[in-house]
Amino acid sequence: MDLQSLSVLRKYIKVVDHKAGTIKLKVALSALSDPTVKQIMAQFKNNELPKAILGTQVNIFTQTLTLKYDISIIDQKEFEEILTTQDNDKFLSLAEKYHSILTA
């Protein structure tokens, strides 16, 4: 997956709650009309989740996505930073780090 394309998701999400091992994201409805987001969703649709993602829950009424993750693999602070940083270089650095960990 192209990490630069993945960075597009950041503008559509907001962290609404984050405890170690569980992060809840508010997803903007406008994400569904973005072609890059559609492409990313299609790539994930028929693939297994990365080993560090233990489960997901989508609530269409509150427009939230809850991810449960393995805290022995994903650092809580770095995970939130990947999703919220406005520094593209920082995003790419962290995304590359976790991409290699999650796909090993």
N, C-alpha and C. Protein backbone atom coordinates (compact mmCIF):
# COMPACT_ATOMS: atom_id res chain seq x y z
N MET A 1 0.85 -1.19 0.00
CA MET A 1 0.00 0.00 0.00
C MET A 1 0.88 1.24 0.00
N ASP A 2 0.49 2.22 -0.74
CA ASP A 2 1.19 3.48 -0.83
C ASP A 2 0.94 4.29 0.44
N LEU A 3 2.01 4.54 1.20
CA LEU A 3 1.86 5.24 2.48
C LEU A 3 1.39 6.68 2.28
N GLN A 4 1.76 7.30 1.17
CA GLN A 4 1.31 8.66 0.91
C GLN A 4 -0.21 8.69 0.72
N SER A 5 -0.75 7.68 0.04
CA SER A 5 -2.21 7.59 -0.11
C SER A 5 -2.88 7.38 1.24
N LEU A 6 -2.25 6.56 2.07
CA LEU A 6 -2.80 6.30 3.39
C LEU A 6 -2.85 7.57 4.23
N SER A 7 -1.91 8.48 3.98
CA SER A 7 -1.88 9.73 4.75
C SER A 7 -3.13 10.58 4.50
N VAL A 8 -3.80 10.36 3.37
CA VAL A 8 -5.03 11.09 3.04
C VAL A 8 -6.10 10.85 4.11
N LEU A 9 -6.10 9.68 4.70
CA LEU A 9 -7.12 9.35 5.70
C LEU A 9 -7.10 10.29 6.90
N ARG A 10 -5.94 10.83 7.22
CA ARG A 10 -5.82 11.68 8.41
C ARG A 10 -6.76 12.87 8.40
N LYS A 11 -7.05 13.41 7.22
CA LYS A 11 -7.92 14.59 7.19
C LYS A 11 -9.39 14.25 7.45
N TYR A 12 -9.72 12.97 7.43
CA TYR A 12 -11.11 12.55 7.63
C TYR A 12 -11.38 11.96 9.01
N ILE A 13 -10.35 11.83 9.84
CA ILE A 13 -10.57 11.18 11.13
C ILE A 13 -10.17 12.09 12.29
N LYS A 14 -10.82 11.84 13.40
CA LYS A 14 -10.53 12.55 14.64
C LYS A 14 -10.54 11.51 15.75
N VAL A 15 -9.51 11.53 16.58
CA VAL A 15 -9.47 10.62 17.73
C VAL A 15 -10.44 11.15 18.78
N VAL A 16 -11.42 10.33 19.15
CA VAL A 16 -12.39 10.77 20.16
C VAL A 16 -12.16 10.10 21.51
N ASP A 17 -11.46 8.98 21.51
CA ASP A 17 -11.13 8.30 22.77
C ASP A 17 -9.96 7.35 22.49
N HIS A 18 -9.03 7.32 23.43
CA HIS A 18 -7.87 6.43 23.24
C HIS A 18 -7.36 5.95 24.59
N LYS A 19 -7.53 4.68 24.80
CA LYS A 19 -6.96 4.00 25.96
C LYS A 19 -6.03 2.94 25.41
N ALA A 20 -5.02 2.57 26.16
CA ALA A 20 -4.07 1.57 25.68
C ALA A 20 -4.81 0.35 25.16
N GLY A 21 -4.61 0.03 23.89
CA GLY A 21 -5.22 -1.13 23.28
C GLY A 21 -6.53 -0.87 22.55
N THR A 22 -7.10 0.31 22.73
CA THR A 22 -8.37 0.65 22.06
C THR A 22 -8.37 2.11 21.67
N ILE A 23 -8.63 2.36 20.39
CA ILE A 23 -8.74 3.74 19.92
C ILE A 23 -10.05 3.88 19.15
N LYS A 24 -10.77 4.97 19.45
CA LYS A 24 -12.05 5.23 18.80
C LYS A 24 -11.90 6.47 17.94
N LEU A 25 -12.24 6.32 16.66
CA LEU A 25 -12.08 7.38 15.68
C LEU A 25 -13.43 7.84 15.14
N LYS A 26 -13.61 9.12 15.03
CA LYS A 26 -14.77 9.70 14.36
C LYS A 26 -14.37 9.88 12.90
N VAL A 27 -15.18 9.37 11.99
CA VAL A 27 -14.86 9.42 10.57
C VAL A 27 -15.84 10.35 9.87
N ALA A 28 -15.32 11.33 9.16
CA ALA A 28 -16.16 12.29 8.43
C ALA A 28 -16.86 11.58 7.28
N LEU A 29 -18.12 11.86 7.08
CA LEU A 29 -18.88 11.27 5.97
C LEU A 29 -18.27 11.60 4.61
N SER A 30 -17.64 12.74 4.53
CA SER A 30 -17.05 13.15 3.26
C SER A 30 -15.94 12.20 2.81
N ALA A 31 -15.41 11.38 3.70
CA ALA A 31 -14.38 10.41 3.33
C ALA A 31 -14.89 9.43 2.28
N LEU A 32 -16.17 9.12 2.35
CA LEU A 32 -16.74 8.12 1.44
C LEU A 32 -16.77 8.57 -0.02
N SER A 33 -16.64 9.87 -0.26
CA SER A 33 -16.65 10.35 -1.64
C SER A 33 -15.24 10.58 -2.19
N ASP A 34 -14.23 10.36 -1.37
CA ASP A 34 -12.84 10.54 -1.83
C ASP A 34 -12.36 9.28 -2.54
N PRO A 35 -11.93 9.39 -3.80
CA PRO A 35 -11.49 8.21 -4.55
C PRO A 35 -10.32 7.47 -3.90
N THR A 36 -9.42 8.20 -3.25
CA THR A 36 -8.29 7.56 -2.58
C THR A 36 -8.77 6.72 -1.41
N VAL A 37 -9.73 7.23 -0.66
CA VAL A 37 -10.29 6.49 0.48
C VAL A 37 -11.01 5.24 -0.03
N LYS A 38 -11.75 5.37 -1.11
CA LYS A 38 -12.43 4.21 -1.70
C LYS A 38 -11.42 3.14 -2.10
N GLN A 39 -10.31 3.55 -2.68
CA GLN A 39 -9.27 2.61 -3.09
C GLN A 39 -8.67 1.90 -1.87
N ILE A 40 -8.40 2.64 -0.81
CA ILE A 40 -7.84 2.04 0.41
C ILE A 40 -8.83 1.06 1.02
N MET A 41 -10.10 1.43 1.06
CA MET A 41 -11.13 0.54 1.62
C MET A 41 -11.21 -0.75 0.81
N ALA A 42 -11.12 -0.65 -0.50
CA ALA A 42 -11.18 -1.84 -1.36
C ALA A 42 -9.99 -2.76 -1.10
N GLN A 43 -8.82 -2.18 -0.86
CA GLN A 43 -7.64 -2.99 -0.58
C GLN A 43 -7.79 -3.76 0.73
N PHE A 44 -8.38 -3.13 1.74
CA PHE A 44 -8.53 -3.78 3.04
C PHE A 44 -9.71 -4.74 3.09
N LYS A 45 -10.68 -4.54 2.23
CA LYS A 45 -11.94 -5.29 2.30
C LYS A 45 -11.77 -6.80 2.30
N ASN A 46 -10.95 -7.32 1.44
CA ASN A 46 -10.82 -8.78 1.32
C ASN A 46 -9.51 -9.31 1.88
N ASN A 47 -8.83 -8.53 2.67
CA ASN A 47 -7.57 -8.96 3.26
C ASN A 47 -7.70 -9.11 4.76
N GLU A 48 -6.82 -9.92 5.34
CA GLU A 48 -6.79 -10.06 6.79
C GLU A 48 -6.27 -8.77 7.40
N LEU A 49 -6.70 -8.51 8.63
CA LEU A 49 -6.17 -7.37 9.35
C LEU A 49 -4.71 -7.63 9.71
N PRO A 50 -3.92 -6.58 9.84
CA PRO A 50 -2.55 -6.79 10.33
C PRO A 50 -2.58 -7.49 11.68
N LYS A 51 -1.52 -8.25 11.99
CA LYS A 51 -1.50 -9.06 13.20
C LYS A 51 -1.66 -8.25 14.49
N ALA A 52 -1.29 -7.00 14.48
CA ALA A 52 -1.41 -6.18 15.68
C ALA A 52 -2.81 -5.61 15.89
N ILE A 53 -3.66 -5.67 14.88
CA ILE A 53 -5.05 -5.21 15.01
C ILE A 53 -5.89 -6.40 15.42
N LEU A 54 -6.39 -6.36 16.63
CA LEU A 54 -7.11 -7.49 17.20
C LEU A 54 -8.59 -7.51 16.85
N GLY A 55 -9.13 -6.37 16.49
CA GLY A 55 -10.54 -6.31 16.11
C GLY A 55 -10.96 -4.90 15.75
N THR A 56 -12.09 -4.83 15.06
CA THR A 56 -12.64 -3.54 14.67
C THR A 56 -14.14 -3.53 14.92
N GLN A 57 -14.67 -2.35 15.13
CA GLN A 57 -16.11 -2.19 15.28
C GLN A 57 -16.49 -0.87 14.62
N VAL A 58 -17.47 -0.94 13.73
CA VAL A 58 -17.95 0.25 13.04
C VAL A 58 -19.36 0.56 13.55
N ASN A 59 -19.60 1.81 13.87
CA ASN A 59 -20.93 2.26 14.26
C ASN A 59 -21.35 3.32 13.25
N ILE A 60 -22.24 2.94 12.34
CA ILE A 60 -22.64 3.87 11.29
C ILE A 60 -23.47 5.04 11.83
N PHE A 61 -24.14 4.84 12.96
CA PHE A 61 -24.98 5.90 13.51
C PHE A 61 -24.15 7.03 14.12
N THR A 62 -23.02 6.66 14.78
CA THR A 62 -22.16 7.68 15.38
C THR A 62 -20.97 8.01 14.48
N GLN A 63 -20.88 7.34 13.35
CA GLN A 63 -19.79 7.51 12.38
C GLN A 63 -18.43 7.29 13.05
N THR A 64 -18.33 6.21 13.83
CA THR A 64 -17.09 5.91 14.51
C THR A 64 -16.55 4.54 14.13
N LEU A 65 -15.24 4.44 14.23
CA LEU A 65 -14.53 3.19 14.02
C LEU A 65 -13.69 2.96 15.26
N THR A 66 -13.88 1.82 15.90
CA THR A 66 -13.10 1.46 17.07
C THR A 66 -12.14 0.34 16.69
N LEU A 67 -10.86 0.56 16.97
CA LEU A 67 -9.84 -0.43 16.69
C LEU A 67 -9.26 -0.94 18.01
N LYS A 68 -9.20 -2.25 18.14
CA LYS A 68 -8.51 -2.86 19.27
C LYS A 68 -7.17 -3.34 18.74
N TYR A 69 -6.10 -3.02 19.47
CA TYR A 69 -4.77 -3.35 18.98
C TYR A 69 -3.89 -3.91 20.09
N ASP A 70 -2.86 -4.62 19.66
CA ASP A 70 -1.93 -5.27 20.57
C ASP A 70 -0.91 -4.25 21.07
N ILE A 71 -0.95 -3.96 22.37
CA ILE A 71 -0.06 -2.93 22.92
C ILE A 71 1.39 -3.41 23.02
N SER A 72 1.63 -4.70 22.83
CA SER A 72 3.02 -5.16 22.82
C SER A 72 3.67 -4.92 21.45
N ILE A 73 2.87 -4.58 20.45
CA ILE A 73 3.39 -4.31 19.11
C ILE A 73 3.26 -2.83 18.74
N ILE A 74 2.15 -2.22 19.11
CA ILE A 74 1.89 -0.83 18.74
C ILE A 74 1.96 0.04 19.99
N ASP A 75 2.80 1.07 19.92
CA ASP A 75 2.92 2.03 21.01
C ASP A 75 1.74 3.00 20.96
N GLN A 76 1.09 3.19 22.10
CA GLN A 76 -0.11 4.03 22.16
C GLN A 76 0.14 5.45 21.66
N LYS A 77 1.20 6.06 22.11
CA LYS A 77 1.49 7.45 21.73
C LYS A 77 1.79 7.55 20.23
N GLU A 78 2.60 6.63 19.72
CA GLU A 78 2.94 6.67 18.30
C GLU A 78 1.73 6.40 17.42
N PHE A 79 0.85 5.50 17.85
CA PHE A 79 -0.35 5.18 17.07
C PHE A 79 -1.21 6.43 16.91
N GLU A 80 -1.42 7.14 18.01
CA GLU A 80 -2.22 8.36 17.93
C GLU A 80 -1.52 9.42 17.09
N GLU A 81 -0.19 9.48 17.20
CA GLU A 81 0.54 10.47 16.43
C GLU A 81 0.46 10.21 14.93
N ILE A 82 0.49 8.95 14.53
CA ILE A 82 0.33 8.60 13.12
C ILE A 82 -0.99 9.16 12.59
N LEU A 83 -2.02 9.08 13.40
CA LEU A 83 -3.35 9.49 12.97
C LEU A 83 -3.60 10.99 13.04
N THR A 84 -2.81 11.70 13.85
CA THR A 84 -3.13 13.11 14.09
C THR A 84 -2.06 14.10 13.66
N THR A 85 -0.84 13.66 13.43
CA THR A 85 0.23 14.62 13.11
C THR A 85 -0.06 15.36 11.81
N GLN A 86 0.29 16.62 11.82
CA GLN A 86 0.20 17.44 10.61
C GLN A 86 1.54 17.47 9.87
N ASP A 87 2.56 16.89 10.50
CA ASP A 87 3.90 16.83 9.93
C ASP A 87 3.99 15.58 9.05
N ASN A 88 4.00 15.79 7.74
CA ASN A 88 3.98 14.66 6.81
C ASN A 88 5.23 13.80 6.93
N ASP A 89 6.38 14.40 7.19
CA ASP A 89 7.61 13.62 7.37
C ASP A 89 7.51 12.72 8.59
N LYS A 90 6.94 13.25 9.67
CA LYS A 90 6.76 12.44 10.89
C LYS A 90 5.79 11.29 10.61
N PHE A 91 4.70 11.60 9.90
CA PHE A 91 3.76 10.55 9.54
C PHE A 91 4.45 9.44 8.76
N LEU A 92 5.19 9.82 7.71
CA LEU A 92 5.84 8.82 6.86
C LEU A 92 6.86 8.00 7.64
N SER A 93 7.59 8.63 8.53
CA SER A 93 8.57 7.91 9.35
C SER A 93 7.89 6.85 10.22
N LEU A 94 6.84 7.26 10.93
CA LEU A 94 6.12 6.31 11.78
C LEU A 94 5.38 5.25 10.97
N ALA A 95 4.78 5.68 9.87
CA ALA A 95 4.04 4.73 9.03
C ALA A 95 4.97 3.67 8.45
N GLU A 96 6.16 4.09 8.01
CA GLU A 96 7.13 3.12 7.48
C GLU A 96 7.57 2.14 8.56
N LYS A 97 7.81 2.67 9.77
CA LYS A 97 8.21 1.81 10.89
C LYS A 97 7.15 0.74 11.15
N TYR A 98 5.90 1.16 11.26
CA TYR A 98 4.83 0.20 11.58
C TYR A 98 4.47 -0.67 10.39
N HIS A 99 4.62 -0.17 9.18
CA HIS A 99 4.35 -0.99 8.01
C HIS A 99 5.29 -2.19 7.99
N SER A 100 6.56 -1.96 8.28
CA SER A 100 7.52 -3.07 8.28
C SER A 100 7.25 -4.02 9.44
N ILE A 101 6.82 -3.53 10.58
CA ILE A 101 6.50 -4.38 11.73
C ILE A 101 5.25 -5.22 11.44
N LEU A 102 4.23 -4.59 10.91
CA LEU A 102 2.94 -5.25 10.72
C LEU A 102 2.91 -6.21 9.54
N THR A 103 3.80 -6.03 8.60
CA THR A 103 3.79 -6.90 7.44
C THR A 103 4.91 -7.95 7.48
N ALA A 104 5.67 -7.96 8.56
CA ALA A 104 6.77 -8.94 8.69
C ALA A 104 6.24 -10.34 8.93
